[in-house]
């Protein structure tokens, strides 16, 4: 019989484990005694929640709009030179058999469209630049 101390959610338990037979996978019986008092661990400070990332900027070259997930471009809803508002639909991509709109992340003018209908894209691929 082997004795172990196990801590679960800050409570310590004394456990006795008995090995039976000589088979390859021994059967184990556990006997749990009443929890023994233990010193509570010092609270660990939670890591601060990540801040919502602002739309990545190209340092004066415009705001990049990236693919939120892997998929295929189904349709372009704007052209280079079009004025767009934050939240306006720029294109539609298919992912997991669903059509998902990709929206502008800033007001401005479409400076570049880096994809065309039918293009496969990976998550994070820059699709358009708004200036």
Protein backbone atom coordinates (compact mmCIF):
# COMPACT_ATOMS: atom_id res chain seq x y z
CA UNK A 1 0.00 0.00 0.00
CA UNK A 2 1.32 3.44 -0.92
CA UNK A 3 0.24 6.66 0.79
CA UNK A 4 -0.01 9.95 -1.04
CA UNK A 5 -1.04 13.50 -0.17
CA UNK A 6 -3.14 15.09 -2.89
CA UNK A 7 -4.25 18.73 -2.97
CA UNK A 8 -7.48 19.54 -4.84
CA UNK A 9 -8.82 23.09 -4.93
CA UNK A 10 -6.71 24.05 -1.93
CA UNK A 11 -7.76 21.04 0.23
CA UNK A 12 -5.24 18.34 1.03
CA UNK A 13 -6.36 14.70 1.08
CA UNK A 14 -4.44 11.67 2.36
CA UNK A 15 -4.88 8.80 -0.11
CA UNK A 16 -3.83 5.17 0.28
CA UNK A 17 -3.39 3.20 -2.97
CA UNK A 18 -3.21 -0.58 -2.96
CA UNK A 19 -1.78 -2.60 -5.85
CA UNK A 20 -3.40 -6.00 -6.48
CA UNK A 21 -2.19 -8.91 -8.60
CA UNK A 22 0.71 -9.00 -11.01
CA UNK A 23 -1.14 -8.20 -14.21
CA UNK A 24 0.11 -5.60 -16.69
CA UNK A 25 -2.64 -3.17 -15.68
CA UNK A 26 -2.96 -3.35 -11.88
CA UNK A 27 -6.30 -2.61 -10.32
CA UNK A 28 -6.11 0.26 -7.87
CA UNK A 29 -8.34 0.92 -4.88
CA UNK A 30 -8.22 4.34 -3.31
CA UNK A 31 -9.25 5.09 0.26
CA UNK A 32 -9.85 8.78 0.92
CA UNK A 33 -9.62 10.07 4.46
CA UNK A 34 -11.07 13.31 5.71
CA UNK A 35 -9.30 16.37 4.36
CA UNK A 36 -6.37 17.50 6.43
CA UNK A 37 -6.09 21.16 7.19
CA UNK A 38 -3.55 22.90 5.04
CA UNK A 39 -2.32 26.39 4.57
CA UNK A 40 -4.18 28.07 1.75
CA UNK A 41 -1.83 29.14 -1.03
CA UNK A 42 -1.37 32.85 -1.56
CA UNK A 43 -3.77 34.14 -4.19
CA UNK A 44 -2.19 34.45 -7.58
CA UNK A 45 -2.85 37.72 -9.36
CA UNK A 46 -4.74 37.06 -12.56
CA UNK A 47 -3.11 38.24 -15.74
CA UNK A 48 -4.83 41.34 -17.07
CA UNK A 49 -7.34 40.64 -19.79
CA UNK A 50 -5.95 41.40 -23.22
CA UNK A 51 -7.12 44.70 -24.60
CA UNK A 52 -9.11 44.69 -27.80
CA UNK A 53 -6.59 45.09 -30.56
CA UNK A 54 -7.01 48.17 -32.67
CA UNK A 55 -6.97 47.67 -36.38
CA UNK A 56 -3.36 47.28 -37.41
CA UNK A 57 -1.96 50.36 -39.05
CA UNK A 58 0.75 50.45 -41.67
CA UNK A 59 2.21 53.64 -40.24
CA UNK A 60 0.58 56.20 -42.50
CA UNK A 61 0.11 53.79 -45.39
CA UNK A 62 -3.41 52.93 -44.23
CA UNK A 63 -5.36 50.48 -42.11
CA UNK A 64 -5.02 46.81 -43.01
CA UNK A 65 -8.15 44.65 -43.06
CA UNK A 66 -7.23 41.00 -42.47
CA UNK A 67 -9.07 37.71 -42.87
CA UNK A 68 -10.55 36.69 -39.51
CA UNK A 69 -10.33 32.97 -40.41
CA UNK A 70 -9.24 30.74 -43.27
CA UNK A 71 -11.66 30.61 -46.16
CA UNK A 72 -12.37 31.58 -49.76
CA UNK A 73 -13.26 35.02 -51.11
CA UNK A 74 -16.77 34.87 -52.59
CA UNK A 75 -17.47 38.47 -53.58
CA UNK A 76 -15.95 41.95 -53.45
CA UNK A 77 -18.43 44.64 -52.40
CA UNK A 78 -16.13 47.66 -52.98
CA UNK A 79 -13.51 48.80 -55.47
CA UNK A 80 -10.23 50.66 -55.14
CA UNK A 81 -10.99 54.35 -54.67
CA UNK A 82 -14.37 53.81 -52.97
CA UNK A 83 -15.06 55.74 -49.76
CA UNK A 84 -16.01 53.44 -46.88
CA UNK A 85 -17.26 53.88 -43.33
CA UNK A 86 -16.18 51.88 -40.29
CA UNK A 87 -18.32 48.72 -40.24
CA UNK A 88 -19.20 48.81 -43.95
CA UNK A 89 -19.06 45.46 -45.77
CA UNK A 90 -15.96 45.21 -47.97
CA UNK A 91 -16.19 41.62 -49.16
CA UNK A 92 -17.74 38.26 -48.43
CA UNK A 93 -15.72 35.17 -47.61
CA UNK A 94 -16.86 31.59 -47.25
CA UNK A 95 -15.60 29.73 -44.20
CA UNK A 96 -16.99 26.46 -42.86
CA UNK A 97 -19.72 26.55 -45.55
CA UNK A 98 -21.00 29.90 -44.30
CA UNK A 99 -20.82 33.29 -46.00
CA UNK A 100 -19.17 35.79 -43.65
CA UNK A 101 -18.98 39.55 -44.30
CA UNK A 102 -15.61 41.22 -43.79
CA UNK A 103 -16.14 44.77 -42.58
CA UNK A 104 -14.10 47.95 -42.78
CA UNK A 105 -12.23 48.64 -39.55
CA UNK A 106 -11.93 52.39 -40.20
CA UNK A 107 -13.37 55.24 -42.24
CA UNK A 108 -11.44 56.11 -45.38
CA UNK A 109 -10.84 55.30 -49.02
CA UNK A 110 -10.02 51.80 -50.27
CA UNK A 111 -6.37 52.11 -51.30
CA UNK A 112 -5.75 48.46 -52.18
CA UNK A 113 -7.70 45.24 -52.66
CA UNK A 114 -5.21 42.40 -52.34
CA UNK A 115 -7.61 39.56 -53.22
CA UNK A 116 -10.18 38.72 -55.87
CA UNK A 117 -13.25 36.47 -55.93
CA UNK A 118 -12.25 32.82 -55.78
CA UNK A 119 -8.98 33.38 -53.88
CA UNK A 120 -8.33 31.08 -50.92
CA UNK A 121 -6.99 32.93 -47.85
CA UNK A 122 -5.54 32.03 -44.47
CA UNK A 123 -6.42 33.68 -41.16
CA UNK A 124 -4.51 36.95 -40.87
CA UNK A 125 -4.02 37.43 -44.62
CA UNK A 126 -4.31 41.14 -45.47
CA UNK A 127 -7.31 41.52 -47.75
CA UNK A 128 -7.53 45.29 -48.20
CA UNK A 129 -5.91 48.56 -47.15
CA UNK A 130 -8.00 51.60 -46.21
CA UNK A 131 -6.32 55.00 -46.20
